[in-house]
PDB file of N, CA and C in Angstrom:
ATOM      1  N   MET A   1     150.619  92.681  99.989  1.00  0.00           N
ATOM      2  CA  MET A   1     151.253  93.846 100.564  1.00  0.00           C
ATOM      3  C   MET A   1     152.576  94.059  99.841  1.00  0.00           C
ATOM      4  N   ASN A   2     152.850  95.296  99.494  1.00  0.00           N
ATOM      5  CA  ASN A   2     154.115  95.686  98.889  1.00  0.00           C
ATOM      6  C   ASN A   2     154.892  96.531  99.876  1.00  0.00           C
ATOM      7  N   LYS A   3     156.200  96.338  99.882  1.00  0.00           N
ATOM      8  CA  LYS A   3     157.064  97.076 100.804  1.00  0.00           C
ATOM      9  C   LYS A   3     158.201  97.714 100.030  1.00  0.00           C
ATOM     10  N   ALA A   4     158.683  98.824 100.559  1.00  0.00           N
ATOM     11  CA  ALA A   4     159.826  99.509  99.966  1.00  0.00           C
ATOM     12  C   ALA A   4     160.507 100.326 101.049  1.00  0.00           C
ATOM     13  N   GLN A   5     161.659 100.837 100.684  1.00  0.00           N
ATOM     14  CA  GLN A   5     162.411 101.683 101.599  1.00  0.00           C
ATOM     15  C   GLN A   5     162.908 102.884 100.805  1.00  0.00           C
ATOM     16  N   LYS A   6     162.905 104.039 101.434  1.00  0.00           N
ATOM     17  CA  LYS A   6     163.391 105.246 100.773  1.00  0.00           C
ATOM     18  C   LYS A   6     164.119 106.091 101.798  1.00  0.00           C
ATOM     19  N   ILE A   7     165.251 106.655 101.392  1.00  0.00           N
ATOM     20  CA  ILE A   7     166.024 107.531 102.273  1.00  0.00           C
ATOM     21  C   ILE A   7     165.966 108.939 101.693  1.00  0.00           C
ATOM     22  N   ILE A   8     165.518 109.875 102.514  1.00  0.00           N
ATOM     23  CA  ILE A   8     165.431 111.280 102.122  1.00  0.00           C
ATOM     24  C   ILE A   8     166.123 112.102 103.196  1.00  0.00           C
ATOM     25  N   ASN A   9     167.112 112.886 102.789  1.00  0.00           N
ATOM     26  CA  ASN A   9     167.863 113.737 103.722  1.00  0.00           C
ATOM     27  C   ASN A   9     168.366 112.950 104.925  1.00  0.00           C
ATOM     28  N   GLY A  10     168.853 111.748 104.679  1.00  0.00           N
ATOM     29  CA  GLY A  10     169.414 110.931 105.741  1.00  0.00           C
ATOM     30  C   GLY A  10     168.403 110.214 106.616  1.00  0.00           C
ATOM     31  N   VAL A  11     167.120 110.383 106.352  1.00  0.00           N
ATOM     32  CA  VAL A  11     166.078 109.715 107.136  1.00  0.00           C
ATOM     33  C   VAL A  11     165.574 108.513 106.336  1.00  0.00           C
ATOM     34  N   ARG A  12     165.584 107.350 106.973  1.00  0.00           N
ATOM     35  CA  ARG A  12     165.122 106.124 106.322  1.00  0.00           C
ATOM     36  C   ARG A  12     163.627 105.939 106.592  1.00  0.00           C
ATOM     37  N   TYR A  13     162.887 105.771 105.509  1.00  0.00           N
ATOM     38  CA  TYR A  13     161.450 105.522 105.592  1.00  0.00           C
ATOM     39  C   TYR A  13     161.176 104.106 105.090  1.00  0.00           C
ATOM     40  N   ASN A  14     160.518 103.310 105.895  1.00  0.00           N
ATOM     41  CA  ASN A  14     160.056 101.993 105.475  1.00  0.00           C
ATOM     42  C   ASN A  14     158.575 102.123 105.141  1.00  0.00           C
ATOM     43  N   LEU A  15     158.205 101.661 103.964  1.00  0.00           N
ATOM     44  CA  LEU A  15     156.855 101.864 103.448  1.00  0.00           C
ATOM     45  C   LEU A  15     156.151 100.527 103.244  1.00  0.00           C
ATOM     46  N   GLU A  16     154.893 100.483 103.575  1.00  0.00           N
ATOM     47  CA  GLU A  16     154.043  99.325 103.307  1.00  0.00           C
ATOM     48  C   GLU A  16     152.742  99.824 102.692  1.00  0.00           C
ATOM     49  N   VAL A  17     152.319  99.160 101.633  1.00  0.00           N
ATOM     50  CA  VAL A  17     151.063  99.518 100.973  1.00  0.00           C
ATOM     51  C   VAL A  17     150.300  98.233 100.665  1.00  0.00           C
ATOM     52  N   TRP A  18     149.002  98.257 100.879  1.00  0.00           N
ATOM     53  CA  TRP A  18     148.167  97.103 100.563  1.00  0.00           C
ATOM     54  C   TRP A  18     146.823  97.584 100.050  1.00  0.00           C
ATOM     55  N   MET A  19     146.178  96.722  99.296  1.00  0.00           N
ATOM     56  CA  MET A  19     144.852  97.037  98.775  1.00  0.00           C
ATOM     57  C   MET A  19     143.826  96.215  99.538  1.00  0.00           C
ATOM     58  N   MET A  20     142.777  96.873  99.969  1.00  0.00           N
ATOM     59  CA  MET A  20     141.676  96.192 100.644  1.00  0.00           C
ATOM     60  C   MET A  20     140.602  95.852  99.610  1.00  0.00           C
ATOM     61  N   ASN A  21     139.704  94.986  99.958  1.00  0.00           N
ATOM     62  CA  ASN A  21     138.626  94.633  99.036  1.00  0.00           C
ATOM     63  C   ASN A  21     137.776  95.861  98.723  1.00  0.00           C
ATOM     64  N   PRO A  22     137.459  96.058  97.435  1.00  0.00           N
ATOM     65  CA  PRO A  22     136.601  97.192  97.071  1.00  0.00           C
ATOM     66  C   PRO A  22     135.208  97.042  97.686  1.00  0.00           C
ATOM     67  N   ILE A  23     134.649  98.141  98.100  1.00  0.00           N
ATOM     68  CA  ILE A  23     133.291  98.161  98.648  1.00  0.00           C
ATOM     69  C   ILE A  23     132.492  99.214  97.889  1.00  0.00           C
ATOM     70  N   ASN A  24     131.359  98.797  97.346  1.00  0.00           N
ATOM     71  CA  ASN A  24     130.459  99.703  96.617  1.00  0.00           C
ATOM     72  C   ASN A  24     131.185 100.517  95.553  1.00  0.00           C
ATOM     73  N   GLY A  25     132.094  99.877  94.815  1.00  0.00           N
ATOM     74  CA  GLY A  25     132.791 100.552  93.731  1.00  0.00           C
ATOM     75  C   GLY A  25     133.896 101.491  94.164  1.00  0.00           C
ATOM     76  N   VAL A  26     134.320 101.406  95.416  1.00  0.00           N
ATOM     77  CA  VAL A  26     135.409 102.252  95.909  1.00  0.00           C
ATOM     78  C   VAL A  26     136.609 101.359  96.225  1.00  0.00           C
ATOM     79  N   TYR A  27     137.730 101.665  95.590  1.00  0.00           N
ATOM     80  CA  TYR A  27     138.969 100.927  95.836  1.00  0.00           C
ATOM     81  C   TYR A  27     139.721 101.613  96.967  1.00  0.00           C
ATOM     82  N   ARG A  28     140.112 100.811  97.948  1.00  0.00           N
ATOM     83  CA  ARG A  28     140.745 101.359  99.144  1.00  0.00           C
ATOM     84  C   ARG A  28     142.156 100.794  99.276  1.00  0.00           C
ATOM     85  N   PHE A  29     143.088 101.687  99.574  1.00  0.00           N
ATOM     86  CA  PHE A  29     144.475 101.304  99.777  1.00  0.00           C
ATOM     87  C   PHE A  29     144.911 101.799 101.147  1.00  0.00           C
ATOM     88  N   GLY A  30     145.646 100.980 101.845  1.00  0.00           N
ATOM     89  CA  GLY A  30     146.217 101.381 103.121  1.00  0.00           C
ATOM     90  C   GLY A  30     147.714 101.566 102.951  1.00  0.00           C
ATOM     91  N   ALA A  31     148.280 102.478 103.696  1.00  0.00           N
ATOM     92  CA  ALA A  31     149.722 102.717 103.644  1.00  0.00           C
ATOM     93  C   ALA A  31     150.220 103.038 105.043  1.00  0.00           C
ATOM     94  N   GLN A  32     151.411 102.538 105.345  1.00  0.00           N
ATOM     95  CA  GLN A  32     152.066 102.889 106.600  1.00  0.00           C
ATOM     96  C   GLN A  32     153.484 103.318 106.291  1.00  0.00           C
ATOM     97  N   VAL A  33     153.915 104.369 106.968  1.00  0.00           N
ATOM     98  CA  VAL A  33     155.270 104.876 106.838  1.00  0.00           C
ATOM     99  C   VAL A  33     155.919 104.760 108.206  1.00  0.00           C
ATOM    100  N   PHE A  34     157.008 104.006 108.249  1.00  0.00           N
ATOM    101  CA  PHE A  34     157.737 103.790 109.497  1.00  0.00           C
ATOM    102  C   PHE A  34     159.042 104.576 109.444  1.00  0.00           C
ATOM    103  N   THR A  35     159.321 105.332 110.500  1.00  0.00           N
ATOM    104  CA  THR A  35     160.639 105.927 110.692  1.00  0.00           C
ATOM    105  C   THR A  35     161.186 105.346 111.987  1.00  0.00           C
ATOM    106  N   SER A  36     162.344 105.803 112.388  1.00  0.00           N
ATOM    107  CA  SER A  36     162.966 105.219 113.579  1.00  0.00           C
ATOM    108  C   SER A  36     162.135 105.423 114.840  1.00  0.00           C
ATOM    109  N   ASN A  37     161.326 106.461 114.875  1.00  0.00           N
ATOM    110  CA  ASN A  37     160.590 106.728 116.114  1.00  0.00           C
ATOM    111  C   ASN A  37     159.081 106.911 115.937  1.00  0.00           C
ATOM    112  N   LYS A  38     158.564 106.675 114.732  1.00  0.00           N
ATOM    113  CA  LYS A  38     157.158 106.993 114.514  1.00  0.00           C
ATOM    114  C   LYS A  38     156.571 106.129 113.395  1.00  0.00           C
ATOM    115  N   ILE A  39     155.278 105.842 113.517  1.00  0.00           N
ATOM    116  CA  ILE A  39     154.530 105.153 112.464  1.00  0.00           C
ATOM    117  C   ILE A  39     153.361 106.050 112.080  1.00  0.00           C
ATOM    118  N   GLN A  40     153.210 106.281 110.784  1.00  0.00           N
ATOM    119  CA  GLN A  40     152.071 107.060 110.309  1.00  0.00           C
ATOM    120  C   GLN A  40     151.279 106.204 109.328  1.00  0.00           C
ATOM    121  N   SER A  41     149.977 106.221 109.458  1.00  0.00           N
ATOM    122  CA  SER A  41     149.100 105.432 108.590  1.00  0.00           C
ATOM    123  C   SER A  41     148.243 106.355 107.734  1.00  0.00           C
ATOM    124  N   PHE A  42     147.961 105.892 106.522  1.00  0.00           N
ATOM    125  CA  PHE A  42     147.152 106.659 105.581  1.00  0.00           C
ATOM    126  C   PHE A  42     146.209 105.714 104.864  1.00  0.00           C
ATOM    127  N   SER A  43     145.124 106.249 104.377  1.00  0.00           N
ATOM    128  CA  SER A  43     144.260 105.478 103.486  1.00  0.00           C
ATOM    129  C   SER A  43     144.004 106.312 102.240  1.00  0.00           C
ATOM    130  N   MET A  44     143.880 105.620 101.135  1.00  0.00           N
ATOM    131  CA  MET A  44     143.611 106.274  99.857  1.00  0.00           C
ATOM    132  C   MET A  44     142.407 105.575  99.249  1.00  0.00           C
ATOM    133  N   ARG A  45     141.502 106.344  98.690  1.00  0.00           N
ATOM    134  CA  ARG A  45     140.301 105.775  98.079  1.00  0.00           C
ATOM    135  C   ARG A  45     140.122 106.350  96.678  1.00  0.00           C
ATOM    136  N   LEU A  46     139.825 105.452  95.746  1.00  0.00           N
ATOM    137  CA  LEU A  46     139.571 105.849  94.365  1.00  0.00           C
ATOM    138  C   LEU A  46     138.347 105.097  93.864  1.00  0.00           C
ATOM    139  N   ILE A  47     137.546 105.757  93.042  1.00  0.00           N
ATOM    140  CA  ILE A  47     136.338 105.094  92.539  1.00  0.00           C
ATOM    141  C   ILE A  47     136.705 104.104  91.428  1.00  0.00           C
ATOM    142  N   GLU A  48     135.846 103.109  91.273  1.00  0.00           N
ATOM    143  CA  GLU A  48     136.086 102.034  90.307  1.00  0.00           C
ATOM    144  C   GLU A  48     136.246 102.573  88.886  1.00  0.00           C
ATOM    145  N   GLU A  49     135.460 103.561  88.511  1.00  0.00           N
ATOM    146  CA  GLU A  49     135.543 104.110  87.158  1.00  0.00           C
ATOM    147  C   GLU A  49     136.923 104.698  86.891  1.00  0.00           C
ATOM    148  N   PHE A  50     137.504 105.358  87.885  1.00  0.00           N
ATOM    149  CA  PHE A  50     138.846 105.918  87.722  1.00  0.00           C
ATOM    150  C   PHE A  50     139.856 104.790  87.552  1.00  0.00           C
ATOM    151  N   ILE A  51     139.753 103.758  88.397  1.00  0.00           N
ATOM    152  CA  ILE A  51     140.676 102.620  88.305  1.00  0.00           C
ATOM    153  C   ILE A  51     140.575 101.979  86.924  1.00  0.00           C
ATOM    154  N   GLU A  52     139.356 101.723  86.456  1.00  0.00           N
ATOM    155  CA  GLU A  52     139.154 101.078  85.154  1.00  0.00           C
ATOM    156  C   GLU A  52     139.629 101.954  84.001  1.00  0.00           C
ATOM    157  N   ASP A  53     139.278 103.227  84.026  1.00  0.00           N
ATOM    158  CA  ASP A  53     139.561 104.116  82.900  1.00  0.00           C
ATOM    159  C   ASP A  53     141.003 104.606  82.863  1.00  0.00           C
ATOM    160  N   GLU A  54     141.587 104.857  84.013  1.00  0.00           N
ATOM    161  CA  GLU A  54     142.887 105.532  84.057  1.00  0.00           C
ATOM    162  C   GLU A  54     144.057 104.641  84.471  1.00  0.00           C
ATOM    163  N   ILE A  55     143.814 103.601  85.257  1.00  0.00           N
ATOM    164  CA  ILE A  55     144.932 102.849  85.828  1.00  0.00           C
ATOM    165  C   ILE A  55     145.016 101.438  85.250  1.00  0.00           C
ATOM    166  N   ASP A  56     144.012 100.608  85.453  1.00  0.00           N
ATOM    167  CA  ASP A  56     144.082  99.216  85.005  1.00  0.00           C
ATOM    168  C   ASP A  56     142.676  98.652  84.854  1.00  0.00           C
ATOM    169  N   ASN A  57     142.242  98.483  83.606  1.00  0.00           N
ATOM    170  CA  ASN A  57     140.865  98.015  83.417  1.00  0.00           C
ATOM    171  C   ASN A  57     140.680  96.558  83.832  1.00  0.00           C
ATOM    172  N   ASP A  58     141.768  95.809  84.030  1.00  0.00           N
ATOM    173  CA  ASP A  58     141.665  94.438  84.547  1.00  0.00           C
ATOM    174  C   ASP A  58     141.615  94.406  86.073  1.00  0.00           C
ATOM    175  N   LYS A  59     141.945  95.528  86.699  1.00  0.00           N
ATOM    176  CA  LYS A  59     141.891  95.694  88.163  1.00  0.00           C
ATOM    177  C   LYS A  59     142.705  94.621  88.892  1.00  0.00           C
ATOM    178  N   ARG A  60     143.941  94.409  88.431  1.00  0.00           N
ATOM    179  CA  ARG A  60     144.824  93.414  89.046  1.00  0.00           C
ATOM    180  C   ARG A  60     145.364  93.949  90.370  1.00  0.00           C
ATOM    181  N   LYS A  61     145.138  93.213  91.415  1.00  0.00           N
ATOM    182  CA  LYS A  61     145.502  93.658  92.758  1.00  0.00           C
ATOM    183  C   LYS A  61     147.000  93.934  92.883  1.00  0.00           C
ATOM    184  N   THR A  62     147.846  93.043  92.386  1.00  0.00           N
ATOM    185  CA  THR A  62     149.294  93.237  92.542  1.00  0.00           C
ATOM    186  C   THR A  62     149.763  94.488  91.809  1.00  0.00           C
ATOM    187  N   TYR A  63     149.220  94.727  90.618  1.00  0.00           N
ATOM    188  CA  TYR A  63     149.599  95.920  89.866  1.00  0.00           C
ATOM    189  C   TYR A  63     149.102  97.186  90.563  1.00  0.00           C
ATOM    190  N   LEU A  64     147.873  97.163  91.042  1.00  0.00           N
ATOM    191  CA  LEU A  64     147.319  98.338  91.722  1.00  0.00           C
ATOM    192  C   LEU A  64     148.100  98.651  92.997  1.00  0.00           C
ATOM    193  N   GLU A  65     148.518  97.623  93.728  1.00  0.00           N
ATOM    194  CA  GLU A  65     149.346  97.848  94.921  1.00  0.00           C
ATOM    195  C   GLU A  65     150.697  98.434  94.536  1.00  0.00           C
ATOM    196  N   GLN A  66     151.253  97.966  93.422  1.00  0.00           N
ATOM    197  CA  GLN A  66     152.531  98.491  92.949  1.00  0.00           C
ATOM    198  C   GLN A  66     152.403  99.976  92.600  1.00  0.00           C
ATOM    199  N   VAL A  67     151.319 100.342  91.946  1.00  0.00           N
ATOM    200  CA  VAL A  67     151.081 101.751  91.606  1.00  0.00           C
ATOM    201  C   VAL A  67     150.909 102.574  92.884  1.00  0.00           C
ATOM    202  N   ALA A  68     150.142 102.066  93.840  1.00  0.00           N
ATOM    203  CA  ALA A  68     149.933 102.788  95.102  1.00  0.00           C
ATOM    204  C   ALA A  68     151.249 102.965  95.858  1.00  0.00           C
ATOM    205  N   LEU A  69     152.107 101.942  95.850  1.00  0.00           N
ATOM    206  CA  LEU A  69     153.412 102.058  96.509  1.00  0.00           C
ATOM    207  C   LEU A  69     154.262 103.123  95.828  1.00  0.00           C
ATOM    208  N   CYS A  70     154.208 103.171  94.524  1.00  0.00           N
ATOM    209  CA  CYS A  70     154.942 104.196  93.780  1.00  0.00           C
ATOM    210  C   CYS A  70     154.440 105.591  94.147  1.00  0.00           C
ATOM    211  N   VAL A  71     153.136 105.741  94.318  1.00  0.00           N
ATOM    212  CA  VAL A  71     152.564 107.026  94.741  1.00  0.00           C
ATOM    213  C   VAL A  71     153.156 107.438  96.089  1.00  0.00           C
ATOM    214  N   VAL A  72     153.177 106.519  97.031  1.00  0.00           N
ATOM    215  CA  VAL A  72     153.693 106.840  98.368  1.00  0.00           C
ATOM    216  C   VAL A  72     155.186 107.149  98.299  1.00  0.00           C
ATOM    217  N   LYS A  73     155.953 106.366  97.532  1.00  0.00           N
ATOM    218  CA  LYS A  73     157.392 106.628  97.401  1.00  0.00           C
ATOM    219  C   LYS A  73     157.654 108.001  96.795  1.00  0.00           C
ATOM    220  N   ASN A  74     156.906 108.332  95.746  1.00  0.00           N
ATOM    221  CA  ASN A  74     157.125 109.603  95.052  1.00  0.00           C
ATOM    222  C   ASN A  74     156.691 110.811  95.873  1.00  0.00           C
ATOM    223  N   HIS A  75     155.719 110.631  96.759  1.00  0.00           N
ATOM    224  CA  HIS A  75     155.118 111.769  97.453  1.00  0.00           C
ATOM    225  C   HIS A  75     155.110 111.590  98.968  1.00  0.00           C
ATOM    226  N   ILE A  76     156.101 110.903  99.482  1.00  0.00           N
ATOM    227  CA  ILE A  76     156.140 110.606 100.918  1.00  0.00           C
ATOM    228  C   ILE A  76     156.136 111.881 101.758  1.00  0.00           C
ATOM    229  N   ILE A  77     156.884 112.872 101.348  1.00  0.00           N
ATOM    230  CA  ILE A  77     156.940 114.126 102.117  1.00  0.00           C
ATOM    231  C   ILE A  77     155.583 114.823 102.081  1.00  0.00           C
ATOM    232  N   ASP A  78     154.908 114.771 100.930  1.00  0.00           N
ATOM    233  CA  ASP A  78     153.557 115.344 100.851  1.00  0.00           C
ATOM    234  C   ASP A  78     152.614 114.655 101.830  1.00  0.00           C
ATOM    235  N   PHE A  79     152.678 113.324 101.889  1.00  0.00           N
ATOM    236  CA  PHE A  79     151.816 112.585 102.814  1.00  0.00           C
ATOM    237  C   PHE A  79     152.106 112.963 104.263  1.00  0.00           C
ATOM    238  N   LEU A  80     153.360 113.177 104.580  1.00  0.00           N
ATOM    239  CA  LEU A  80     153.737 113.453 105.965  1.00  0.00           C
ATOM    240  C   LEU A  80     153.528 114.905 106.379  1.00  0.00           C
ATOM    241  N   THR A  81     153.504 115.829 105.416  1.00  0.00           N
ATOM    242  CA  THR A  81     153.463 117.241 105.792  1.00  0.00           C
ATOM    243  C   THR A  81     152.237 118.011 105.295  1.00  0.00           C
ATOM    244  N   SER A  82     151.535 117.498 104.297  1.00  0.00           N
ATOM    245  CA  SER A  82     150.406 118.242 103.733  1.00  0.00           C
ATOM    246  C   SER A  82     149.113 117.930 104.472  1.00  0.00           C
ATOM    247  N   ASN A  83     148.162 118.820 104.321  1.00  0.00           N
ATOM    248  CA  ASN A  83     146.848 118.510 104.898  1.00  0.00           C
ATOM    249  C   ASN A  83     146.110 117.544 103.976  1.00  0.00           C
ATOM    250  N   LYS A  84     145.109 116.873 104.516  1.00  0.00           N
ATOM    251  CA  LYS A  84     144.447 115.805 103.759  1.00  0.00           C
ATOM    252  C   LYS A  84     143.741 116.325 102.516  1.00  0.00           C
ATOM    253  N   HIS A  85     143.288 117.566 102.514  1.00  0.00           N
ATOM    254  CA  HIS A  85     142.598 118.107 101.346  1.00  0.00           C
ATOM    255  C   HIS A  85     143.564 118.288 100.176  1.00  0.00           C
ATOM    256  N   ALA A  86     144.792 118.675 100.466  1.00  0.00           N
ATOM    257  CA  ALA A  86     145.798 118.802  99.411  1.00  0.00           C
ATOM    258  C   ALA A  86     146.119 117.436  98.817  1.00  0.00           C
ATOM    259  N   ILE A  87     146.182 116.425  99.657  1.00  0.00           N
ATOM    260  CA  ILE A  87     146.463 115.071  99.182  1.00  0.00           C
ATOM    261  C   ILE A  87     145.304 114.561  98.335  1.00  0.00           C
ATOM    262  N   ILE A  88     144.086 114.736  98.809  1.00  0.00           N
ATOM    263  CA  ILE A  88     142.905 114.279  98.072  1.00  0.00           C
ATOM    264  C   ILE A  88     142.837 114.947  96.703  1.00  0.00           C
ATOM    265  N   THR A  89     143.149 116.231  96.655  1.00  0.00           N
ATOM    266  CA  THR A  89     143.109 116.978  95.406  1.00  0.00           C
ATOM    267  C   THR A  89     144.077 116.404  94.383  1.00  0.00           C
ATOM    268  N   ASN A  90     145.245 115.956  94.828  1.00  0.00           N
ATOM    269  CA  ASN A  90     146.290 115.498  93.918  1.00  0.00           C
ATOM    270  C   ASN A  90     146.338 113.993  93.707  1.00  0.00           C
ATOM    271  N   LEU A  91     145.587 113.225  94.462  1.00  0.00           N
ATOM    272  CA  LEU A  91     145.723 111.772  94.460  1.00  0.00           C
ATOM    273  C   LEU A  91     145.517 111.148  93.078  1.00  0.00           C
ATOM    274  N   GLY A  92     144.500 111.558  92.361  1.00  0.00           N
ATOM    275  CA  GLY A  92     144.263 111.013  91.026  1.00  0.00           C
ATOM    276  C   GLY A  92     145.427 111.284  90.095  1.00  0.00           C
ATOM    277  N   TYR A  93     145.928 112.497  90.111  1.00  0.00           N
ATOM    278  CA  TYR A  93     147.082 112.845  89.282  1.00  0.00           C
ATOM    279  C   TYR A  93     148.291 112.001  89.674  1.00  0.00           C
ATOM    280  N   TRP A  94     148.530 111.841  90.984  1.00  0.00           N
ATOM    281  CA  TRP A  94     149.669 111.055  91.455  1.00  0.00           C
ATOM    282  C   TRP A  94     149.570 109.605  91.001  1.00  0.00           C
ATOM    283  N   PHE A  95     148.362 109.031  91.008  1.00  0.00           N
ATOM    284  CA  PHE A  95     148.189 107.649  90.547  1.00  0.00           C
ATOM    285  C   PHE A  95     148.481 107.544  89.051  1.00  0.00           C
ATOM    286  N   LYS A  96     148.011 108.502  88.255  1.00  0.00           N
ATOM    287  CA  LYS A  96     148.295 108.473  86.817  1.00  0.00           C
ATOM    288  C   LYS A  96     149.793 108.601  86.562  1.00  0.00           C
ATOM    289  N   GLU A  97     150.441 109.494  87.295  1.00  0.00           N
ATOM    290  CA  GLU A  97     151.883 109.691  87.176  1.00  0.00           C
ATOM    291  C   GLU A  97     152.641 108.403  87.532  1.00  0.00           C
ATOM    292  N   ALA A  98     152.242 107.745  88.610  1.00  0.00           N
ATOM    293  CA  ALA A  98     152.897 106.506  89.043  1.00  0.00           C
ATOM    294  C   ALA A  98     152.684 105.398  88.013  1.00  0.00           C
ATOM    295  N   LYS A  99     151.498 105.321  87.440  1.00  0.00           N
ATOM    296  CA  LYS A  99     151.217 104.314  86.409  1.00  0.00           C
ATOM    297  C   LYS A  99     152.141 104.516  85.216  1.00  0.00           C
ATOM    298  N   ARG A 100     152.287 105.753  84.752  1.00  0.00           N
ATOM    299  CA  ARG A 100     153.182 106.034  83.624  1.00  0.00           C
ATOM    300  C   ARG A 100     154.617 105.650  83.971  1.00  0.00           C
ATOM    301  N   GLN A 101     155.040 105.968  85.182  1.00  0.00           N
ATOM    302  CA  GLN A 101     156.398 105.656  85.621  1.00  0.00           C
ATOM    303  C   GLN A 101     156.637 104.141  85.632  1.00  0.00           C
ATOM    304  N   ILE A 102     155.718 103.381  86.191  1.00  0.00           N
ATOM    305  CA  ILE A 102     155.861 101.921  86.257  1.00  0.00           C
ATOM    306  C   ILE A 102     155.830 101.316  84.859  1.00  0.00           C
ATOM    307  N   ASP A 103     154.910 101.774  84.023  1.00  0.00           N
ATOM    308  CA  ASP A 103     154.821 101.243  82.663  1.00  0.00           C
ATOM    309  C   ASP A 103     156.092 101.536  81.875  1.00  0.00           C
ATOM    310  N   LYS A 104     156.675 102.707  82.071  1.00  0.00           N
ATOM    311  CA  LYS A 104     157.919 103.067  81.390  1.00  0.00           C
ATOM    312  C   LYS A 104     159.061 102.180  81.874  1.00  0.00           C
ATOM    313  N   GLU A 105     159.165 101.971  83.192  1.00  0.00           N
ATOM    314  CA  GLU A 105     160.217 101.115  83.745  1.00  0.00           C
ATOM    315  C   GLU A 105     160.060  99.679  83.265  1.00  0.00           C
ATOM    316  N   THR A 106     158.843  99.222  83.110  1.00  0.00           N
ATOM    317  CA  THR A 106     158.581  97.852  82.664  1.00  0.00           C
ATOM    318  C   THR A 106     159.005  97.659  81.212  1.00  0.00           C
ATOM    319  N   LYS A 107     158.812  98.684  80.389  1.00  0.00           N
ATOM    320  CA  LYS A 107     159.171  98.588  78.973  1.00  0.00           C
ATOM    321  C   LYS A 107     160.675  98.613  78.763  1.00  0.00           C
ATOM    322  N   GLU A 108     161.406  99.256  79.658  1.00  0.00           N
ATOM    323  CA  GLU A 108     162.865  99.398  79.485  1.00  0.00           C
ATOM    324  C   GLU A 108     163.607  98.155  79.833  1.00  0.00           C
TER     325      GLU A 108
END
């Protein structure tokens, strides 16, 4: 499980992201966003081919959780305010964006 904290417009968000065991080639990630008065839970699912081709062909759990946490940090407001179809539509792009961001930070 990876944890982070982010403050947006004076509101503190505590984030938790974890990866569950893949089932039938589907990678599943759970996320929870805690604020002072509310907990919201989300799940994200990506197919194995996408994970192998676009994110990490070694499928390292710690790295994949780090990428998923970056997705939630970067798009927390989208997760909290958008409908699920908008999130599903953008999820692959968000994962690729987070991977590039993490890889860039690692190189620096």
